[in-house]
Amino acid sequence: MGKPAAGQGVNGKIDLHSHSKASDGQYPAAEVAERASAAGVGVWALCDHDTVAGMDDAAAAASRLGLRLVPGIELSAFLERREIHLLGHFVDPAHPRLRAFEDFLALRRRERMQRIVEKLGALGLRLRVEDIEKWSGGKTIGRPHVARALVEQGAVATVKEAFDAYLGEGKPAYVQRYRLEADEAVRLVRAAGGTTTVAHPGVSKLERWDLERLRQAGVEGLEVYHVDHNPSVREKYLRIAEALDLVPTAGSDFHGEAVAPDRHLGDVSMPEHELARLEARRP
């Protein structure tokens, strides 16, 4: 999973944003690789939330399938008071600083889950952290896993209902996550040898001044081509990317049909020369 040779050709689509069961995705990393290959993807990034736990399996599957794997991670961070998501691409999954941060976040996440369980209990919904961990597969644990446990229990009918009623921001069982500042996230990714890209800016409702601040912090890319961006949103962020010298990237943000039914691997792609531009910005 080291740095690929310069000028390596791309066979197929380029999808730089997907998730596996190592975080909140539906499928194991190897199966995501298989689905990417079947969808005509030639360059594929696995960017699980706050973890690189699935990367070894992803690398083995990618090698077997002839896929070029871009090792990645998706970090939840804060830009002032706003929560945003940042994608780290080309990271070294074994980097000690990245591993230490992953362990730290895992502890904070478990503490957060315990507080959510306590809040749900006060609302008459009996749930244990162990019930939630069953859905996470022992990997990165988060609110989507709580939601699935609530569905299994019959407390709600869907994951969306769980968020709307209990787990979303401002709802009765919401607990704020650990606050990682955006510039700290950029430094972490750079320390691990990677580049940082702002994920789905349209979903996060980021404006040019927000992106100027992130560019100053060292962000190199902007996920212009995301499945949730309509053509006018893509055009808006493409203009901003050009103005701020941010590399426009593409990502399906695939989680699996049961989690995000409208997001499919390879639904968006990007030019090969933009991938080369992004890779050239590695530290």
C-alpha atoms as a PDB file:
ATOM      1  CA  MET A   1       0.000   0.000   0.000  1.00  0.00           C
ATOM      2  CA  GLY A   2       2.957   2.292  -0.522  1.00  0.00           C
ATOM      3  CA  LYS A   3       3.018   5.174  -2.957  1.00  0.00           C
ATOM      4  CA  PRO A   4       2.137   3.914  -6.458  1.00  0.00           C
ATOM      5  CA  ALA A   5       4.496   4.596  -9.314  1.00  0.00           C
ATOM      6  CA  ALA A   6       4.062   7.973 -10.967  1.00  0.00           C
ATOM      7  CA  GLY A   7       2.101   7.814 -14.182  1.00  0.00           C
ATOM      8  CA  GLN A   8       0.352   4.538 -13.330  1.00  0.00           C
ATOM      9  CA  GLY A   9      -2.600   4.226 -15.691  1.00  0.00           C
ATOM     10  CA  VAL A  10      -6.186   3.968 -14.578  1.00  0.00           C
ATOM     11  CA  ASN A  11      -8.463   1.232 -15.877  1.00  0.00           C
ATOM     12  CA  GLY A  12     -12.044   2.171 -15.061  1.00  0.00           C
ATOM     13  CA  LYS A  13     -13.765   4.693 -12.849  1.00  0.00           C
ATOM     14  CA  ILE A  14     -12.172   6.522  -9.922  1.00  0.00           C
ATOM     15  CA  ASP A  15     -14.197   6.371  -6.687  1.00  0.00           C
ATOM     16  CA  LEU A  16     -12.407   7.912  -3.712  1.00  0.00           C
ATOM     17  CA  HIS A  17     -15.046   7.522  -0.984  1.00  0.00           C
ATOM     18  CA  SER A  18     -16.583   4.312   0.344  1.00  0.00           C
ATOM     19  CA  HIS A  19     -17.209   2.574   3.658  1.00  0.00           C
ATOM     20  CA  SER A  20     -17.042  -0.957   4.988  1.00  0.00           C
ATOM     21  CA  LYS A  21     -18.239  -2.846   8.025  1.00  0.00           C
ATOM     22  CA  ALA A  22     -15.111  -1.610   9.814  1.00  0.00           C
ATOM     23  CA  SER A  23     -17.147   1.546  10.473  1.00  0.00           C
ATOM     24  CA  ASP A  24     -20.788   2.030   9.479  1.00  0.00           C
ATOM     25  CA  GLY A  25     -20.895   0.232   6.138  1.00  0.00           C
ATOM     26  CA  GLN A  26     -22.935  -2.870   5.360  1.00  0.00           C
ATOM     27  CA  TYR A  27     -20.233  -5.098   3.862  1.00  0.00           C
ATOM     28  CA  PRO A  28     -16.751  -6.306   4.877  1.00  0.00           C
ATOM     29  CA  ALA A  29     -13.925  -4.468   3.135  1.00  0.00           C
ATOM     30  CA  ALA A  30     -13.135  -7.372   0.800  1.00  0.00           C
ATOM     31  CA  GLU A  31     -16.729  -7.466  -0.412  1.00  0.00           C
ATOM     32  CA  VAL A  32     -16.730  -3.703  -1.012  1.00  0.00           C
ATOM     33  CA  ALA A  33     -13.654  -4.246  -3.200  1.00  0.00           C
ATOM     34  CA  GLU A  34     -15.470  -6.963  -5.142  1.00  0.00           C
ATOM     35  CA  ARG A  35     -18.495  -4.734  -5.648  1.00  0.00           C
ATOM     36  CA  ALA A  36     -16.280  -1.841  -6.751  1.00  0.00           C
ATOM     37  CA  SER A  37     -14.590  -4.036  -9.333  1.00  0.00           C
ATOM     38  CA  ALA A  38     -17.948  -5.337 -10.579  1.00  0.00           C
ATOM     39  CA  ALA A  39     -19.144  -1.726 -10.957  1.00  0.00           C
ATOM     40  CA  GLY A  40     -16.231  -0.889 -13.254  1.00  0.00           C
ATOM     41  CA  VAL A  41     -14.164   0.983 -10.676  1.00  0.00           C
ATOM     42  CA  GLY A  42     -10.423   0.881 -11.332  1.00  0.00           C
ATOM     43  CA  VAL A  43      -9.203   3.156  -8.522  1.00  0.00           C
ATOM     44  CA  TRP A  44     -10.948   2.726  -5.198  1.00  0.00           C
ATOM     45  CA  ALA A  45     -10.536   4.406  -1.823  1.00  0.00           C
ATOM     46  CA  LEU A  46     -11.790   2.875   1.407  1.00  0.00           C
ATOM     47  CA  CYS A  47     -12.442   5.746   3.836  1.00  0.00           C
ATOM     48  CA  ASP A  48     -14.045   4.329   6.955  1.00  0.00           C
ATOM     49  CA  HIS A  49     -15.028   6.693   9.733  1.00  0.00           C
ATOM     50  CA  ASP A  50     -12.112   7.298  12.110  1.00  0.00           C
ATOM     51  CA  THR A  51     -10.495   3.907  11.419  1.00  0.00           C
ATOM     52  CA  VAL A  52      -8.226   2.047   9.011  1.00  0.00           C
ATOM     53  CA  ALA A  53      -9.140  -1.333  10.520  1.00  0.00           C
ATOM     54  CA  GLY A  54     -10.406  -2.721   7.206  1.00  0.00           C
ATOM     55  CA  MET A  55      -7.355  -1.771   5.164  1.00  0.00           C
ATOM     56  CA  ASP A  56      -5.457  -5.079   5.249  1.00  0.00           C
ATOM     57  CA  ASP A  57      -8.481  -6.981   3.931  1.00  0.00           C
ATOM     58  CA  ALA A  58      -9.110  -4.221   1.394  1.00  0.00           C
ATOM     59  CA  ALA A  59      -5.525  -4.394   0.139  1.00  0.00           C
ATOM     60  CA  ALA A  60      -5.585  -8.180  -0.239  1.00  0.00           C
ATOM     61  CA  ALA A  61      -8.869  -8.076  -2.162  1.00  0.00           C
ATOM     62  CA  ALA A  62      -7.760  -5.162  -4.344  1.00  0.00           C
ATOM     63  CA  SER A  63      -4.561  -6.979  -5.278  1.00  0.00           C
ATOM     64  CA  ARG A  64      -6.513 -10.108  -6.205  1.00  0.00           C
ATOM     65  CA  LEU A  65      -9.002  -8.118  -8.294  1.00  0.00           C
ATOM     66  CA  GLY A  66      -6.514  -5.823 -10.029  1.00  0.00           C
ATOM     67  CA  LEU A  67      -7.938  -2.743  -8.308  1.00  0.00           C
ATOM     68  CA  ARG A  68      -5.727   0.160  -7.356  1.00  0.00           C
ATOM     69  CA  LEU A  69      -6.438   0.857  -3.686  1.00  0.00           C
ATOM     70  CA  VAL A  70      -6.026   4.338  -2.234  1.00  0.00           C
ATOM     71  CA  PRO A  71      -5.811   3.843   1.550  1.00  0.00           C
ATOM     72  CA  GLY A  72      -8.035   6.382   3.256  1.00  0.00           C
ATOM     73  CA  ILE A  73      -9.945   7.487   6.320  1.00  0.00           C
ATOM     74  CA  GLU A  74     -12.872   9.831   6.964  1.00  0.00           C
ATOM     75  CA  LEU A  75     -12.425  12.073   9.994  1.00  0.00           C
ATOM     76  CA  SER A  76     -15.233  13.960  11.685  1.00  0.00           C
ATOM     77  CA  ALA A  77     -13.881  17.384  12.577  1.00  0.00           C
ATOM     78  CA  PHE A  78     -15.020  20.856  13.545  1.00  0.00           C
ATOM     79  CA  LEU A  79     -14.603  24.105  11.660  1.00  0.00           C
ATOM     80  CA  GLU A  80     -15.323  26.570  14.421  1.00  0.00           C
ATOM     81  CA  ARG A  81     -18.761  25.370  15.623  1.00  0.00           C
ATOM     82  CA  ARG A  82     -19.695  23.385  12.521  1.00  0.00           C
ATOM     83  CA  GLU A  83     -19.087  19.661  12.170  1.00  0.00           C
ATOM     84  CA  ILE A  84     -17.567  18.663   8.836  1.00  0.00           C
ATOM     85  CA  HIS A  85     -16.064  15.516   7.348  1.00  0.00           C
ATOM     86  CA  LEU A  86     -12.535  15.339   5.974  1.00  0.00           C
ATOM     87  CA  LEU A  87     -11.175  12.537   3.803  1.00  0.00           C
ATOM     88  CA  GLY A  88      -7.569  11.469   4.194  1.00  0.00           C
ATOM     89  CA  HIS A  89      -6.226   9.805   1.025  1.00  0.00           C
ATOM     90  CA  PHE A  90      -2.918   7.962   0.471  1.00  0.00           C
ATOM     91  CA  VAL A  91      -2.406   7.570   4.226  1.00  0.00           C
ATOM     92  CA  ASP A  92      -0.058   4.975   5.704  1.00  0.00           C
ATOM     93  CA  PRO A  93      -2.459   2.738   7.673  1.00  0.00           C
ATOM     94  CA  ALA A  94       0.360   1.563   9.924  1.00  0.00           C
ATOM     95  CA  HIS A  95       1.571   5.033  10.882  1.00  0.00           C
ATOM     96  CA  PRO A  96       1.982   5.120  14.699  1.00  0.00           C
ATOM     97  CA  ARG A  97       0.335   8.519  15.099  1.00  0.00           C
ATOM     98  CA  LEU A  98      -2.701   7.431  13.084  1.00  0.00           C
ATOM     99  CA  ARG A  99      -2.995   4.181  15.030  1.00  0.00           C
ATOM    100  CA  ALA A 100      -2.681   5.981  18.365  1.00  0.00           C
ATOM    101  CA  PHE A 101      -5.384   8.442  17.383  1.00  0.00           C
ATOM    102  CA  GLU A 102      -7.649   5.598  16.261  1.00  0.00           C
ATOM    103  CA  ASP A 103      -7.235   3.916  19.668  1.00  0.00           C
ATOM    104  CA  PHE A 104      -7.953   7.200  21.438  1.00  0.00           C
ATOM    105  CA  LEU A 105     -11.124   7.756  19.408  1.00  0.00           C
ATOM    106  CA  ALA A 106     -12.303   4.189  20.020  1.00  0.00           C
ATOM    107  CA  LEU A 107     -12.199   4.846  23.761  1.00  0.00           C
ATOM    108  CA  ARG A 108     -14.032   8.167  23.385  1.00  0.00           C
ATOM    109  CA  ARG A 109     -16.666   6.496  21.187  1.00  0.00           C
ATOM    110  CA  ARG A 110     -17.340   3.785  23.753  1.00  0.00           C
ATOM    111  CA  GLU A 111     -17.748   6.425  26.461  1.00  0.00           C
ATOM    112  CA  ARG A 112     -20.157   8.286  24.180  1.00  0.00           C
ATOM    113  CA  MET A 113     -22.173   5.117  23.543  1.00  0.00           C
ATOM    114  CA  GLN A 114     -22.482   4.554  27.286  1.00  0.00           C
ATOM    115  CA  ARG A 115     -23.904   8.046  27.725  1.00  0.00           C
ATOM    116  CA  ILE A 116     -26.346   7.495  24.847  1.00  0.00           C
ATOM    117  CA  VAL A 117     -27.467   4.204  26.436  1.00  0.00           C
ATOM    118  CA  GLU A 118     -28.058   6.032  29.717  1.00  0.00           C
ATOM    119  CA  LYS A 119     -30.134   8.707  27.982  1.00  0.00           C
ATOM    120  CA  LEU A 120     -32.185   6.091  26.140  1.00  0.00           C
ATOM    121  CA  GLY A 121     -32.723   4.272  29.432  1.00  0.00           C
ATOM    122  CA  ALA A 122     -34.131   7.433  30.968  1.00  0.00           C
ATOM    123  CA  LEU A 123     -36.611   7.471  28.070  1.00  0.00           C
ATOM    124  CA  GLY A 124     -37.679   3.902  28.817  1.00  0.00           C
ATOM    125  CA  LEU A 125     -35.602   2.250  26.074  1.00  0.00           C
ATOM    126  CA  ARG A 126     -33.426  -0.499  27.531  1.00  0.00           C
ATOM    127  CA  LEU A 127     -30.261  -1.034  25.543  1.00  0.00           C
ATOM    128  CA  ARG A 128     -26.751  -2.195  26.433  1.00  0.00           C
ATOM    129  CA  VAL A 129     -23.473  -1.159  24.835  1.00  0.00           C
ATOM    130  CA  GLU A 130     -23.010  -4.856  24.008  1.00  0.00           C
ATOM    131  CA  ASP A 131     -26.218  -4.763  21.939  1.00  0.00           C
ATOM    132  CA  ILE A 132     -24.740  -1.900  19.917  1.00  0.00           C
ATOM    133  CA  GLU A 133     -21.317  -3.513  19.506  1.00  0.00           C
ATOM    134  CA  LYS A 134     -22.958  -6.520  17.857  1.00  0.00           C
ATOM    135  CA  TRP A 135     -23.828  -4.267  14.921  1.00  0.00           C
ATOM    136  CA  SER A 136     -20.380  -2.683  14.748  1.00  0.00           C
ATOM    137  CA  GLY A 137     -18.580  -6.014  14.512  1.00  0.00           C
ATOM    138  CA  GLY A 138     -16.259  -4.859  17.281  1.00  0.00           C
ATOM    139  CA  LYS A 139     -14.912  -2.070  15.054  1.00  0.00           C
ATOM    140  CA  THR A 140     -15.677   1.662  15.000  1.00  0.00           C
ATOM    141  CA  ILE A 141     -18.891   2.157  16.965  1.00  0.00           C
ATOM    142  CA  GLY A 142     -21.284   5.020  16.315  1.00  0.00           C
ATOM    143  CA  ARG A 143     -24.870   6.227  16.241  1.00  0.00           C
ATOM    144  CA  PRO A 144     -25.828   4.178  13.147  1.00  0.00           C
ATOM    145  CA  HIS A 145     -25.138   1.056  15.188  1.00  0.00           C
ATOM    146  CA  VAL A 146     -27.335   2.363  18.012  1.00  0.00           C
ATOM    147  CA  ALA A 147     -30.043   2.989  15.435  1.00  0.00           C
ATOM    148  CA  ARG A 148     -29.820  -0.558  14.096  1.00  0.00           C
ATOM    149  CA  ALA A 149     -30.026  -1.949  17.637  1.00  0.00           C
ATOM    150  CA  LEU A 150     -33.168   0.124  18.225  1.00  0.00           C
ATOM    151  CA  VAL A 151     -34.689  -1.221  15.009  1.00  0.00           C
ATOM    152  CA  GLU A 152     -33.896  -4.792  16.075  1.00  0.00           C
ATOM    153  CA  GLN A 153     -35.492  -4.126  19.446  1.00  0.00           C
ATOM    154  CA  GLY A 154     -38.642  -2.839  17.770  1.00  0.00           C
ATOM    155  CA  ALA A 155     -38.371   0.603  19.346  1.00  0.00           C
ATOM    156  CA  VAL A 156     -38.352   2.201  15.870  1.00  0.00           C
ATOM    157  CA  ALA A 157     -39.115   0.967  12.372  1.00  0.00           C
ATOM    158  CA  THR A 158     -36.098   2.414  10.546  1.00  0.00           C
ATOM    159  CA  VAL A 159     -32.637   3.850  11.110  1.00  0.00           C
ATOM    160  CA  LYS A 160     -33.947   7.232   9.948  1.00  0.00           C
ATOM    161  CA  GLU A 161     -36.710   7.129  12.549  1.00  0.00           C
ATOM    162  CA  ALA A 162     -34.126   6.400  15.257  1.00  0.00           C
ATOM    163  CA  PHE A 163     -32.179   9.527  14.289  1.00  0.00           C
ATOM    164  CA  ASP A 164     -35.272  11.677  13.887  1.00  0.00           C
ATOM    165  CA  ALA A 165     -36.717  10.630  17.238  1.00  0.00           C
ATOM    166  CA  TYR A 166     -33.705  10.035  19.473  1.00  0.00           C
ATOM    167  CA  LEU A 167     -30.177  10.219  18.054  1.00  0.00           C
ATOM    168  CA  GLY A 168     -29.995  13.284  15.808  1.00  0.00           C
ATOM    169  CA  GLU A 169     -28.488  16.541  17.000  1.00  0.00           C
ATOM    170  CA  GLY A 170     -30.883  18.226  19.422  1.00  0.00           C
ATOM    171  CA  LYS A 171     -32.816  15.000  20.046  1.00  0.00           C
ATOM    172  CA  PRO A 172     -33.233  13.558  23.580  1.00  0.00           C
ATOM    173  CA  ALA A 173     -30.505  10.874  23.354  1.00  0.00           C
ATOM    174  CA  TYR A 174     -27.952  12.934  21.412  1.00  0.00           C
ATOM    175  CA  VAL A 175     -24.428  13.143  22.846  1.00  0.00           C
ATOM    176  CA  GLN A 176     -21.752  15.359  21.289  1.00  0.00           C
ATOM    177  CA  ARG A 177     -18.779  13.485  19.821  1.00  0.00           C
ATOM    178  CA  TYR A 178     -15.120  14.202  20.642  1.00  0.00           C
ATOM    179  CA  ARG A 179     -14.215  17.582  19.179  1.00  0.00           C
ATOM    180  CA  LEU A 180     -11.364  17.248  16.677  1.00  0.00           C
ATOM    181  CA  GLU A 181     -10.516  20.608  15.131  1.00  0.00           C
ATOM    182  CA  ALA A 182     -10.168  20.719  11.352  1.00  0.00           C
ATOM    183  CA  ASP A 183      -6.575  21.945  11.337  1.00  0.00           C
ATOM    184  CA  GLU A 184      -5.632  19.182  13.789  1.00  0.00           C
ATOM    185  CA  ALA A 185      -7.215  16.615  11.447  1.00  0.00           C
ATOM    186  CA  VAL A 186      -5.205  17.986   8.511  1.00  0.00           C
ATOM    187  CA  ARG A 187      -1.973  17.706  10.513  1.00  0.00           C
ATOM    188  CA  LEU A 188      -2.808  14.107  11.446  1.00  0.00           C
ATOM    189  CA  VAL A 189      -3.405  13.111   7.823  1.00  0.00           C
ATOM    190  CA  ARG A 190      -0.214  14.826   6.665  1.00  0.00           C
ATOM    191  CA  ALA A 191       1.774  13.111   9.418  1.00  0.00           C
ATOM    192  CA  ALA A 192       0.509   9.783   8.034  1.00  0.00           C
ATOM    193  CA  GLY A 193       1.670  10.744   4.532  1.00  0.00           C
ATOM    194  CA  GLY A 194      -1.729  11.639   3.122  1.00  0.00           C
ATOM    195  CA  THR A 195      -3.693  14.439   1.503  1.00  0.00           C
ATOM    196  CA  THR A 196      -6.877  15.943   2.937  1.00  0.00           C
ATOM    197  CA  THR A 197     -10.096  16.501   0.993  1.00  0.00           C
ATOM    198  CA  VAL A 198     -13.327  18.116   2.179  1.00  0.00           C
ATOM    199  CA  ALA A 199     -16.091  15.513   1.910  1.00  0.00           C
ATOM    200  CA  HIS A 200     -19.538  16.322   0.414  1.00  0.00           C
ATOM    201  CA  PRO A 201     -19.390  20.122   0.891  1.00  0.00           C
ATOM    202  CA  GLY A 202     -22.939  20.485  -0.422  1.00  0.00           C
ATOM    203  CA  VAL A 203     -24.306  18.111   2.203  1.00  0.00           C
ATOM    204  CA  SER A 204     -22.378  20.049   4.862  1.00  0.00           C
ATOM    205  CA  LYS A 205     -23.598  23.350   3.333  1.00  0.00           C
ATOM    206  CA  LEU A 206     -20.109  24.834   3.195  1.00  0.00           C
ATOM    207  CA  GLU A 207     -19.602  28.212   1.555  1.00  0.00           C
ATOM    208  CA  ARG A 208     -16.551  29.708  -0.101  1.00  0.00           C
ATOM    209  CA  TRP A 209     -15.345  31.411   3.088  1.00  0.00           C
ATOM    210  CA  ASP A 210     -15.477  28.072   4.931  1.00  0.00           C
ATOM    211  CA  LEU A 211     -13.407  26.474   2.199  1.00  0.00           C
ATOM    212  CA  GLU A 212     -10.951  29.379   2.177  1.00  0.00           C
ATOM    213  CA  ARG A 213     -10.364  28.736   5.875  1.00  0.00           C
ATOM    214  CA  LEU A 214      -9.848  25.021   5.226  1.00  0.00           C
ATOM    215  CA  ARG A 215      -7.487  25.733   2.333  1.00  0.00           C
ATOM    216  CA  GLN A 216      -5.417  27.890   4.669  1.00  0.00           C
ATOM    217  CA  ALA A 217      -5.346  24.972   7.119  1.00  0.00           C
ATOM    218  CA  GLY A 218      -3.770  22.781   4.436  1.00  0.00           C
ATOM    219  CA  VAL A 219      -6.680  21.009   2.764  1.00  0.00           C
ATOM    220  CA  GLU A 220      -5.790  19.953  -0.806  1.00  0.00           C
ATOM    221  CA  GLY A 221      -9.011  18.589  -2.307  1.00  0.00           C
ATOM    222  CA  LEU A 222     -12.761  19.162  -2.555  1.00  0.00           C
ATOM    223  CA  GLU A 223     -15.260  16.352  -3.166  1.00  0.00           C
ATOM    224  CA  VAL A 224     -17.117  18.092  -5.981  1.00  0.00           C
ATOM    225  CA  TYR A 225     -18.533  14.920  -7.532  1.00  0.00           C
ATOM    226  CA  HIS A 226     -20.620  13.315  -4.789  1.00  0.00           C
ATOM    227  CA  VAL A 227     -23.803  11.342  -5.379  1.00  0.00           C
ATOM    228  CA  ASP A 228     -25.818  13.785  -3.249  1.00  0.00           C
ATOM    229  CA  HIS A 229     -24.683  16.808  -5.296  1.00  0.00           C
ATOM    230  CA  ASN A 230     -26.971  17.764  -8.169  1.00  0.00           C
ATOM    231  CA  PRO A 231     -25.458  19.387 -11.310  1.00  0.00           C
ATOM    232  CA  SER A 232     -25.833  22.960 -10.038  1.00  0.00           C
ATOM    233  CA  VAL A 233     -24.180  22.075  -6.720  1.00  0.00           C
ATOM    234  CA  ARG A 234     -21.333  20.362  -8.551  1.00  0.00           C
ATOM    235  CA  GLU A 235     -20.851  23.422 -10.754  1.00  0.00           C
ATOM    236  CA  LYS A 236     -20.805  25.706  -7.713  1.00  0.00           C
ATOM    237  CA  TYR A 237     -18.090  23.710  -5.974  1.00  0.00           C
ATOM    238  CA  LEU A 238     -16.108  23.154  -9.154  1.00  0.00           C
ATOM    239  CA  ARG A 239     -15.826  26.945  -9.541  1.00  0.00           C
ATOM    240  CA  ILE A 240     -14.734  27.273  -5.916  1.00  0.00           C
ATOM    241  CA  ALA A 241     -12.199  24.454  -6.323  1.00  0.00           C
ATOM    242  CA  GLU A 242     -10.690  26.183  -9.351  1.00  0.00           C
ATOM    243  CA  ALA A 243     -10.546  29.537  -7.549  1.00  0.00           C
ATOM    244  CA  LEU A 244      -8.900  28.096  -4.431  1.00  0.00           C
ATOM    245  CA  ASP A 245      -6.605  25.606  -6.206  1.00  0.00           C
ATOM    246  CA  LEU A 246      -8.365  22.629  -4.626  1.00  0.00           C
ATOM    247  CA  VAL A 247      -8.338  19.323  -6.515  1.00  0.00           C
ATOM    248  CA  PRO A 248     -11.927  18.324  -7.441  1.00  0.00           C
ATOM    249  CA  THR A 249     -12.481  14.697  -6.419  1.00  0.00           C
ATOM    250  CA  ALA A 250     -15.253  12.121  -6.806  1.00  0.00           C
ATOM    251  CA  GLY A 251     -16.781   9.762  -4.260  1.00  0.00           C
ATOM    252  CA  SER A 252     -19.906   7.633  -4.146  1.00  0.00           C
ATOM    253  CA  ASP A 253     -19.870   7.567  -0.324  1.00  0.00           C
ATOM    254  CA  PHE A 254     -21.029   3.965  -0.649  1.00  0.00           C
ATOM    255  CA  HIS A 255     -22.228   2.323   2.578  1.00  0.00           C
ATOM    256  CA  GLY A 256     -24.407  -0.495   1.222  1.00  0.00           C
ATOM    257  CA  GLU A 257     -28.016  -0.715   0.107  1.00  0.00           C
ATOM    258  CA  ALA A 258     -29.376  -1.313   3.602  1.00  0.00           C
ATOM    259  CA  VAL A 259     -27.659   1.828   4.924  1.00  0.00           C
ATOM    260  CA  ALA A 260     -27.735   4.286   2.006  1.00  0.00           C
ATOM    261  CA  PRO A 261     -29.794   2.802  -0.850  1.00  0.00           C
ATOM    262  CA  ASP A 262     -29.198   5.693  -3.268  1.00  0.00           C
ATOM    263  CA  ARG A 263     -25.392   5.535  -3.169  1.00  0.00           C
ATOM    264  CA  HIS A 264     -23.728   3.064  -5.529  1.00  0.00           C
ATOM    265  CA  LEU A 265     -20.058   2.405  -6.186  1.00  0.00           C
ATOM    266  CA  GLY A 266     -18.889   4.046  -9.382  1.00  0.00           C
ATOM    267  CA  ASP A 267     -21.911   6.332  -9.693  1.00  0.00           C
ATOM    268  CA  VAL A 268     -19.464   9.242  -9.923  1.00  0.00           C
ATOM    269  CA  SER A 269     -15.907   9.446 -11.220  1.00  0.00           C
ATOM    270  CA  MET A 270     -13.157  11.971 -11.897  1.00  0.00           C
ATOM    271  CA  PRO A 271     -10.456  12.509 -14.531  1.00  0.00           C
ATOM    272  CA  GLU A 272      -7.190  10.636 -14.130  1.00  0.00           C
ATOM    273  CA  HIS A 273      -5.176  13.859 -14.268  1.00  0.00           C
ATOM    274  CA  GLU A 274      -7.007  15.155 -11.178  1.00  0.00           C
ATOM    275  CA  LEU A 275      -6.093  11.982  -9.297  1.00  0.00           C
ATOM    276  CA  ALA A 276      -2.473  12.598 -10.280  1.00  0.00           C
ATOM    277  CA  ARG A 277      -2.739  16.211  -9.054  1.00  0.00           C
ATOM    278  CA  LEU A 278      -4.052  15.047  -5.694  1.00  0.00           C
ATOM    279  CA  GLU A 279      -1.366  12.405  -5.307  1.00  0.00           C
ATOM    280  CA  ALA A 280       1.336  14.937  -6.199  1.00  0.00           C
ATOM    281  CA  ARG A 281       0.341  16.945  -3.124  1.00  0.00           C
ATOM    282  CA  ARG A 282       1.343  14.207  -0.718  1.00  0.00           C
ATOM    283  CA  PRO A 283       3.890  15.469   1.810  1.00  0.00           C
END
